[in-house]
N, C-alpha and C. Protein backbone atom coordinates (compact mmCIF):
# COMPACT_ATOMS: atom_id res chain seq x y z
N MET A 1 39.12 -61.49 47.18
CA MET A 1 38.81 -62.88 47.44
C MET A 1 38.06 -63.45 46.23
N PRO A 2 38.55 -64.58 45.69
CA PRO A 2 37.85 -65.17 44.55
C PRO A 2 36.48 -65.71 44.95
N TRP A 3 35.58 -65.72 44.00
CA TRP A 3 34.22 -66.18 44.23
C TRP A 3 33.95 -67.39 43.37
N GLN A 4 33.49 -68.48 43.95
CA GLN A 4 33.15 -69.69 43.22
C GLN A 4 31.71 -70.05 43.52
N ARG A 5 30.86 -70.02 42.52
CA ARG A 5 29.50 -70.49 42.72
C ARG A 5 29.47 -71.99 42.54
N CYS A 6 28.60 -72.64 43.24
CA CYS A 6 28.46 -74.09 43.20
C CYS A 6 28.03 -74.52 41.79
N GLN A 7 28.84 -75.36 41.17
CA GLN A 7 28.54 -75.79 39.80
C GLN A 7 27.26 -76.64 39.77
N PHE A 8 27.02 -77.42 40.79
CA PHE A 8 25.80 -78.23 40.84
C PHE A 8 24.56 -77.33 40.83
N HIS A 9 24.58 -76.30 41.67
CA HIS A 9 23.44 -75.40 41.73
C HIS A 9 23.28 -74.56 40.47
N LEU A 10 24.37 -74.18 39.85
CA LEU A 10 24.29 -73.47 38.57
C LEU A 10 23.59 -74.36 37.54
N GLN A 11 23.97 -75.62 37.50
CA GLN A 11 23.35 -76.54 36.54
C GLN A 11 21.87 -76.70 36.85
N GLN A 12 21.52 -76.81 38.11
CA GLN A 12 20.10 -76.90 38.48
C GLN A 12 19.34 -75.64 38.09
N ASN A 13 19.95 -74.46 38.32
CA ASN A 13 19.29 -73.20 37.99
C ASN A 13 19.05 -73.06 36.50
N ALA A 14 19.87 -73.67 35.69
CA ALA A 14 19.70 -73.59 34.24
C ALA A 14 18.35 -74.17 33.82
N GLY A 15 17.85 -75.13 34.57
CA GLY A 15 16.58 -75.76 34.23
C GLY A 15 15.41 -74.80 34.10
N GLN A 16 15.41 -73.74 34.86
CA GLN A 16 14.30 -72.80 34.76
C GLN A 16 14.33 -71.96 33.50
N TYR A 17 15.44 -72.02 32.75
CA TYR A 17 15.56 -71.25 31.52
C TYR A 17 15.43 -72.13 30.27
N VAL A 18 15.29 -73.43 30.47
CA VAL A 18 15.14 -74.35 29.34
C VAL A 18 13.66 -74.34 28.92
N PRO A 19 13.37 -73.96 27.65
CA PRO A 19 11.97 -73.76 27.23
C PRO A 19 11.19 -75.05 26.98
N THR A 20 11.86 -76.15 26.67
CA THR A 20 11.12 -77.39 26.39
C THR A 20 11.78 -78.55 27.12
N VAL A 21 10.98 -79.56 27.40
CA VAL A 21 11.48 -80.76 28.08
C VAL A 21 12.51 -81.46 27.22
N ALA A 22 12.34 -81.43 25.91
CA ALA A 22 13.27 -82.10 25.01
C ALA A 22 14.68 -81.53 25.08
N LEU A 23 14.81 -80.26 25.48
CA LEU A 23 16.14 -79.64 25.57
C LEU A 23 16.83 -79.89 26.91
N ARG A 24 16.13 -80.41 27.88
CA ARG A 24 16.73 -80.57 29.22
C ARG A 24 18.00 -81.43 29.21
N ALA A 25 17.91 -82.61 28.62
CA ALA A 25 19.07 -83.51 28.62
C ALA A 25 20.26 -82.94 27.85
N PRO A 26 20.06 -82.40 26.63
CA PRO A 26 21.23 -81.85 25.93
C PRO A 26 21.84 -80.63 26.65
N VAL A 27 21.00 -79.78 27.23
CA VAL A 27 21.49 -78.61 27.96
C VAL A 27 22.31 -79.09 29.17
N ALA A 28 21.79 -80.06 29.91
CA ALA A 28 22.52 -80.57 31.08
C ALA A 28 23.87 -81.16 30.66
N ALA A 29 23.88 -81.92 29.57
CA ALA A 29 25.13 -82.51 29.08
C ALA A 29 26.13 -81.44 28.65
N ASP A 30 25.63 -80.40 27.99
CA ASP A 30 26.51 -79.32 27.56
C ASP A 30 27.11 -78.57 28.74
N ILE A 31 26.32 -78.31 29.75
CA ILE A 31 26.82 -77.59 30.94
C ILE A 31 27.84 -78.48 31.68
N ARG A 32 27.54 -79.77 31.78
CA ARG A 32 28.50 -80.69 32.41
C ARG A 32 29.83 -80.66 31.68
N ALA A 33 29.78 -80.66 30.34
CA ALA A 33 31.00 -80.62 29.54
C ALA A 33 31.79 -79.33 29.81
N ILE A 34 31.08 -78.23 29.95
CA ILE A 34 31.75 -76.94 30.24
C ILE A 34 32.49 -77.03 31.57
N PHE A 35 31.80 -77.52 32.61
CA PHE A 35 32.42 -77.59 33.93
C PHE A 35 33.49 -78.68 34.04
N ASN A 36 33.45 -79.68 33.17
CA ASN A 36 34.46 -80.75 33.18
C ASN A 36 35.62 -80.47 32.24
N ALA A 37 35.66 -79.28 31.67
CA ALA A 37 36.75 -78.91 30.77
C ALA A 37 38.08 -79.00 31.52
N PRO A 38 39.16 -79.28 30.80
CA PRO A 38 40.46 -79.40 31.47
C PRO A 38 41.05 -78.08 31.97
N ASP A 39 40.62 -76.96 31.40
CA ASP A 39 41.13 -75.67 31.85
C ASP A 39 40.11 -74.57 31.53
N GLN A 40 40.39 -73.38 32.03
CA GLN A 40 39.43 -72.28 31.88
C GLN A 40 39.28 -71.84 30.42
N ASP A 41 40.34 -71.87 29.64
CA ASP A 41 40.25 -71.49 28.24
C ASP A 41 39.28 -72.41 27.49
N GLU A 42 39.40 -73.70 27.73
CA GLU A 42 38.50 -74.66 27.08
C GLU A 42 37.07 -74.48 27.59
N ALA A 43 36.91 -74.23 28.87
CA ALA A 43 35.57 -74.00 29.44
C ALA A 43 34.95 -72.76 28.79
N GLN A 44 35.73 -71.72 28.61
CA GLN A 44 35.22 -70.49 27.98
C GLN A 44 34.84 -70.76 26.54
N ARG A 45 35.65 -71.55 25.82
CA ARG A 45 35.34 -71.88 24.43
C ARG A 45 34.04 -72.68 24.34
N LEU A 46 33.87 -73.66 25.24
CA LEU A 46 32.64 -74.44 25.26
C LEU A 46 31.42 -73.61 25.63
N LEU A 47 31.63 -72.65 26.52
CA LEU A 47 30.54 -71.75 26.90
C LEU A 47 30.11 -70.90 25.70
N GLU A 48 31.06 -70.37 24.98
CA GLU A 48 30.74 -69.58 23.79
C GLU A 48 29.97 -70.40 22.78
N ARG A 49 30.41 -71.65 22.58
CA ARG A 49 29.70 -72.55 21.66
C ARG A 49 28.27 -72.83 22.17
N PHE A 50 28.13 -73.01 23.48
CA PHE A 50 26.82 -73.25 24.11
C PHE A 50 25.90 -72.05 23.86
N VAL A 51 26.40 -70.86 24.08
CA VAL A 51 25.60 -69.64 23.90
C VAL A 51 25.15 -69.53 22.45
N GLU A 52 26.05 -69.77 21.52
CA GLU A 52 25.68 -69.71 20.10
C GLU A 52 24.65 -70.78 19.75
N ARG A 53 24.81 -71.99 20.29
CA ARG A 53 23.91 -73.08 19.98
C ARG A 53 22.47 -72.78 20.43
N TYR A 54 22.32 -72.13 21.60
CA TYR A 54 20.98 -71.92 22.14
C TYR A 54 20.46 -70.48 21.99
N ARG A 55 21.21 -69.63 21.34
CA ARG A 55 20.79 -68.24 21.21
C ARG A 55 19.43 -68.09 20.51
N ASN A 56 19.16 -68.92 19.50
CA ASN A 56 17.89 -68.82 18.77
C ASN A 56 16.79 -69.66 19.38
N THR A 57 17.12 -70.87 19.85
CA THR A 57 16.08 -71.77 20.38
C THR A 57 15.72 -71.47 21.84
N ALA A 58 16.67 -70.94 22.60
CA ALA A 58 16.43 -70.64 24.03
C ALA A 58 17.20 -69.38 24.40
N PRO A 59 16.73 -68.20 23.94
CA PRO A 59 17.48 -66.96 24.17
C PRO A 59 17.67 -66.60 25.65
N LYS A 60 16.68 -66.90 26.47
CA LYS A 60 16.83 -66.60 27.91
C LYS A 60 17.91 -67.49 28.53
N LEU A 61 17.95 -68.75 28.10
CA LEU A 61 18.99 -69.67 28.59
C LEU A 61 20.37 -69.18 28.16
N ALA A 62 20.49 -68.80 26.90
CA ALA A 62 21.80 -68.35 26.39
C ALA A 62 22.27 -67.10 27.14
N SER A 63 21.37 -66.18 27.35
CA SER A 63 21.71 -64.94 28.07
C SER A 63 22.10 -65.23 29.51
N TRP A 64 21.33 -66.08 30.16
CA TRP A 64 21.62 -66.46 31.54
C TRP A 64 22.97 -67.16 31.63
N ALA A 65 23.22 -68.12 30.73
CA ALA A 65 24.45 -68.91 30.77
C ALA A 65 25.67 -68.00 30.58
N GLU A 66 25.58 -67.05 29.68
CA GLU A 66 26.69 -66.15 29.41
C GLU A 66 27.06 -65.34 30.64
N GLU A 67 26.06 -65.01 31.44
CA GLU A 67 26.28 -64.22 32.67
C GLU A 67 26.64 -65.11 33.85
N ALA A 68 25.93 -66.22 34.06
CA ALA A 68 26.04 -67.01 35.29
C ALA A 68 27.13 -68.08 35.27
N LEU A 69 27.28 -68.81 34.19
CA LEU A 69 28.20 -69.95 34.20
C LEU A 69 29.66 -69.57 34.47
N PRO A 70 30.15 -68.42 34.01
CA PRO A 70 31.55 -68.08 34.36
C PRO A 70 31.78 -67.92 35.87
N GLN A 71 30.72 -67.75 36.65
CA GLN A 71 30.86 -67.66 38.11
C GLN A 71 31.28 -69.01 38.70
N GLY A 72 31.18 -70.08 37.91
CA GLY A 72 31.61 -71.40 38.35
C GLY A 72 33.00 -71.79 37.84
N PHE A 73 33.72 -70.81 37.23
CA PHE A 73 35.01 -71.09 36.64
C PHE A 73 36.19 -70.83 37.57
N THR A 74 35.97 -70.31 38.75
CA THR A 74 37.07 -69.95 39.65
C THR A 74 37.94 -71.16 39.99
N VAL A 75 37.34 -72.34 40.06
CA VAL A 75 38.11 -73.54 40.41
C VAL A 75 39.18 -73.86 39.39
N PHE A 76 39.07 -73.33 38.18
CA PHE A 76 40.10 -73.59 37.19
C PHE A 76 41.44 -72.96 37.56
N SER A 77 41.45 -72.05 38.52
CA SER A 77 42.70 -71.47 38.99
C SER A 77 43.41 -72.38 39.99
N LEU A 78 42.73 -73.45 40.42
CA LEU A 78 43.29 -74.42 41.35
C LEU A 78 43.95 -75.56 40.60
N PRO A 79 44.86 -76.28 41.24
CA PRO A 79 45.41 -77.47 40.59
C PRO A 79 44.28 -78.47 40.33
N PRO A 80 44.38 -79.24 39.24
CA PRO A 80 43.31 -80.21 38.88
C PRO A 80 42.94 -81.16 40.01
N THR A 81 43.88 -81.51 40.87
CA THR A 81 43.61 -82.46 41.96
C THR A 81 42.67 -81.87 43.02
N ARG A 82 42.55 -80.54 43.09
CA ARG A 82 41.70 -79.90 44.10
C ARG A 82 40.34 -79.49 43.59
N ARG A 83 40.19 -79.43 42.28
CA ARG A 83 38.96 -78.88 41.69
C ARG A 83 37.72 -79.68 42.08
N ARG A 84 37.81 -80.97 42.09
CA ARG A 84 36.63 -81.80 42.33
C ARG A 84 35.97 -81.46 43.68
N ARG A 85 36.76 -81.27 44.69
CA ARG A 85 36.21 -80.99 46.02
C ARG A 85 35.73 -79.56 46.18
N MET A 86 36.28 -78.65 45.41
CA MET A 86 35.98 -77.24 45.60
C MET A 86 34.93 -76.69 44.63
N ARG A 87 34.42 -77.51 43.72
CA ARG A 87 33.51 -76.99 42.71
C ARG A 87 32.05 -76.94 43.18
N THR A 88 31.76 -77.53 44.31
CA THR A 88 30.39 -77.50 44.82
C THR A 88 30.38 -77.02 46.27
N THR A 89 29.19 -76.81 46.78
CA THR A 89 29.05 -76.40 48.19
C THR A 89 28.72 -77.59 49.09
N ASN A 90 29.03 -78.80 48.63
CA ASN A 90 28.72 -80.00 49.42
C ASN A 90 29.30 -79.93 50.83
N LEU A 91 30.52 -79.43 50.95
CA LEU A 91 31.18 -79.33 52.25
C LEU A 91 30.36 -78.46 53.21
N VAL A 92 29.95 -77.30 52.76
CA VAL A 92 29.18 -76.38 53.61
C VAL A 92 27.81 -76.96 53.92
N GLU A 93 27.18 -77.55 52.90
CA GLU A 93 25.84 -78.12 53.10
C GLU A 93 25.90 -79.27 54.11
N ARG A 94 26.95 -80.07 54.06
CA ARG A 94 27.09 -81.18 54.99
C ARG A 94 27.29 -80.66 56.42
N LEU A 95 28.07 -79.60 56.57
CA LEU A 95 28.25 -79.00 57.90
C LEU A 95 26.92 -78.51 58.47
N ILE A 96 26.17 -77.79 57.66
CA ILE A 96 24.89 -77.25 58.10
C ILE A 96 23.94 -78.38 58.46
N GLU A 97 23.93 -79.44 57.64
CA GLU A 97 23.06 -80.57 57.93
C GLU A 97 23.41 -81.22 59.27
N GLU A 98 24.69 -81.36 59.55
CA GLU A 98 25.10 -81.98 60.82
C GLU A 98 24.75 -81.07 62.00
N ILE A 99 24.93 -79.77 61.86
CA ILE A 99 24.55 -78.84 62.93
C ILE A 99 23.05 -78.91 63.20
N ARG A 100 22.26 -78.92 62.14
CA ARG A 100 20.80 -79.02 62.30
C ARG A 100 20.41 -80.33 62.98
N ARG A 101 21.03 -81.43 62.56
CA ARG A 101 20.71 -82.73 63.16
C ARG A 101 20.99 -82.72 64.66
N ARG A 102 22.11 -82.17 65.05
CA ARG A 102 22.48 -82.16 66.47
C ARG A 102 21.63 -81.19 67.29
N THR A 103 21.30 -80.02 66.71
CA THR A 103 20.52 -79.06 67.48
C THR A 103 19.05 -79.47 67.55
N ARG A 104 18.55 -80.24 66.60
CA ARG A 104 17.17 -80.72 66.67
C ARG A 104 16.98 -81.67 67.85
N VAL A 105 18.00 -82.44 68.18
CA VAL A 105 17.92 -83.37 69.31
C VAL A 105 17.71 -82.60 70.60
N ALA A 106 18.43 -81.51 70.77
CA ALA A 106 18.32 -80.73 72.01
C ALA A 106 17.01 -79.94 72.03
N ARG A 107 16.51 -79.52 70.89
CA ARG A 107 15.27 -78.76 70.73
C ARG A 107 15.28 -77.38 71.38
N LEU A 108 15.33 -77.34 72.69
CA LEU A 108 15.30 -76.05 73.40
C LEU A 108 16.61 -75.84 74.14
N PHE A 109 17.11 -74.65 74.04
CA PHE A 109 18.35 -74.30 74.73
C PHE A 109 18.01 -73.28 75.81
N PRO A 110 18.63 -73.42 77.00
CA PRO A 110 18.33 -72.46 78.06
C PRO A 110 18.79 -71.04 77.73
N ASN A 111 19.83 -70.93 76.88
CA ASN A 111 20.30 -69.61 76.48
C ASN A 111 21.12 -69.73 75.19
N GLU A 112 21.47 -68.60 74.64
CA GLU A 112 22.23 -68.57 73.38
C GLU A 112 23.61 -69.22 73.54
N ALA A 113 24.22 -69.01 74.68
CA ALA A 113 25.56 -69.55 74.93
C ALA A 113 25.57 -71.09 74.88
N SER A 114 24.52 -71.74 75.38
CA SER A 114 24.49 -73.20 75.36
C SER A 114 24.37 -73.71 73.92
N CYS A 115 23.61 -73.02 73.09
CA CYS A 115 23.51 -73.38 71.67
C CYS A 115 24.87 -73.20 71.00
N LEU A 116 25.53 -72.11 71.26
CA LEU A 116 26.82 -71.84 70.69
C LEU A 116 27.86 -72.89 71.11
N ARG A 117 27.79 -73.34 72.37
CA ARG A 117 28.70 -74.38 72.83
C ARG A 117 28.50 -75.68 72.05
N LEU A 118 27.23 -76.06 71.84
CA LEU A 118 26.94 -77.27 71.08
C LEU A 118 27.43 -77.17 69.64
N VAL A 119 27.12 -76.06 68.99
CA VAL A 119 27.55 -75.88 67.59
C VAL A 119 29.08 -75.87 67.51
N SER A 120 29.74 -75.21 68.43
CA SER A 120 31.21 -75.19 68.45
C SER A 120 31.78 -76.59 68.62
N ALA A 121 31.19 -77.36 69.49
CA ALA A 121 31.65 -78.74 69.74
C ALA A 121 31.48 -79.59 68.47
N VAL A 122 30.36 -79.41 67.79
CA VAL A 122 30.12 -80.16 66.54
C VAL A 122 31.16 -79.78 65.50
N LEU A 123 31.43 -78.50 65.36
CA LEU A 123 32.42 -78.05 64.38
C LEU A 123 33.83 -78.54 64.72
N MET A 124 34.16 -78.55 65.98
CA MET A 124 35.48 -79.05 66.40
C MET A 124 35.61 -80.54 66.12
N GLU A 125 34.53 -81.29 66.35
CA GLU A 125 34.54 -82.72 66.09
C GLU A 125 34.72 -83.00 64.60
N ILE A 126 34.03 -82.24 63.76
CA ILE A 126 34.17 -82.42 62.32
C ILE A 126 35.56 -82.03 61.85
N ALA A 127 36.11 -80.96 62.39
CA ALA A 127 37.47 -80.53 62.04
C ALA A 127 38.48 -81.62 62.40
N GLU A 128 38.29 -82.24 63.54
CA GLU A 128 39.19 -83.34 63.94
C GLU A 128 39.08 -84.51 62.97
N ASP A 129 37.85 -84.82 62.54
CA ASP A 129 37.66 -85.90 61.56
C ASP A 129 38.39 -85.58 60.26
N TRP A 130 38.33 -84.34 59.82
CA TRP A 130 38.97 -83.95 58.57
C TRP A 130 40.48 -84.02 58.66
N GLN A 131 41.02 -83.93 59.87
CA GLN A 131 42.48 -83.95 60.02
C GLN A 131 43.04 -85.36 60.09
N THR A 132 42.19 -86.35 60.28
CA THR A 132 42.69 -87.73 60.31
C THR A 132 43.00 -88.18 58.90
N ALA A 133 43.93 -89.09 58.77
CA ALA A 133 44.43 -89.53 57.47
C ALA A 133 43.33 -90.07 56.56
N GLU A 134 42.41 -90.84 57.10
CA GLU A 134 41.40 -91.45 56.25
C GLU A 134 40.26 -90.51 55.83
N LYS A 135 40.13 -89.36 56.46
CA LYS A 135 39.03 -88.45 56.13
C LYS A 135 39.52 -87.08 55.70
N ARG A 136 40.75 -86.93 55.30
CA ARG A 136 41.25 -85.63 54.89
C ARG A 136 40.43 -85.11 53.72
N TYR A 137 39.95 -83.93 53.87
CA TYR A 137 39.13 -83.35 52.79
C TYR A 137 40.01 -82.80 51.68
N VAL A 138 41.05 -82.07 52.02
CA VAL A 138 42.01 -81.55 51.05
C VAL A 138 43.38 -81.72 51.63
N THR A 139 44.28 -82.37 50.89
CA THR A 139 45.66 -82.53 51.32
C THR A 139 46.57 -81.79 50.35
N PHE A 140 47.48 -80.99 50.87
CA PHE A 140 48.39 -80.23 50.03
C PHE A 140 49.66 -81.04 49.79
N SER A 141 50.47 -80.62 48.83
CA SER A 141 51.67 -81.39 48.46
C SER A 141 52.65 -81.52 49.62
N ASP A 142 52.63 -80.58 50.56
CA ASP A 142 53.54 -80.67 51.70
C ASP A 142 52.96 -81.52 52.83
N GLY A 143 51.79 -82.14 52.58
CA GLY A 143 51.19 -83.02 53.58
C GLY A 143 50.23 -82.33 54.52
N ALA A 144 50.19 -80.99 54.52
CA ALA A 144 49.28 -80.26 55.41
C ALA A 144 47.86 -80.37 54.85
N THR A 145 46.88 -80.28 55.72
CA THR A 145 45.48 -80.28 55.27
C THR A 145 44.99 -78.85 55.20
N ALA A 146 43.83 -78.68 54.58
CA ALA A 146 43.24 -77.34 54.47
C ALA A 146 42.95 -76.77 55.85
N VAL A 147 42.61 -77.64 56.81
CA VAL A 147 42.29 -77.18 58.15
C VAL A 147 43.54 -76.62 58.82
N GLU A 148 44.72 -77.17 58.50
CA GLU A 148 45.97 -76.74 59.14
C GLU A 148 46.48 -75.43 58.57
N ARG A 149 46.03 -75.03 57.38
CA ARG A 149 46.57 -73.82 56.73
C ARG A 149 45.83 -72.60 57.12
């Protein structure tokens, strides 16, 4: 199973390896350019250039980037039309946020089964929303959605 780390979180994590405030903006722009590359070969080339650029001024950043940033390259194996939605964990985070919002209203559940029923109902409702034409999260060339596959 391919592994895709969230590109947004990778970019945020890079901040802890940037040694000076003055380097924050250029490092962020360089990482964005890597992740916005048209294909994996170009992303790899930009990563190598990034590592060389910061090897002397920010060695911990360069070492971290060489190891961590390729974990965000899995989306390059997808068609360009699907990459935007699959490059971050926004989908999962939104699901978790909605489950938390709904379970906070109930506060106390009489048993585990009642909590599970509520969470299942929330997930089914969201799945139905994703299957409607105006809210399709991913649509394939044959018209099927990711939920249907």
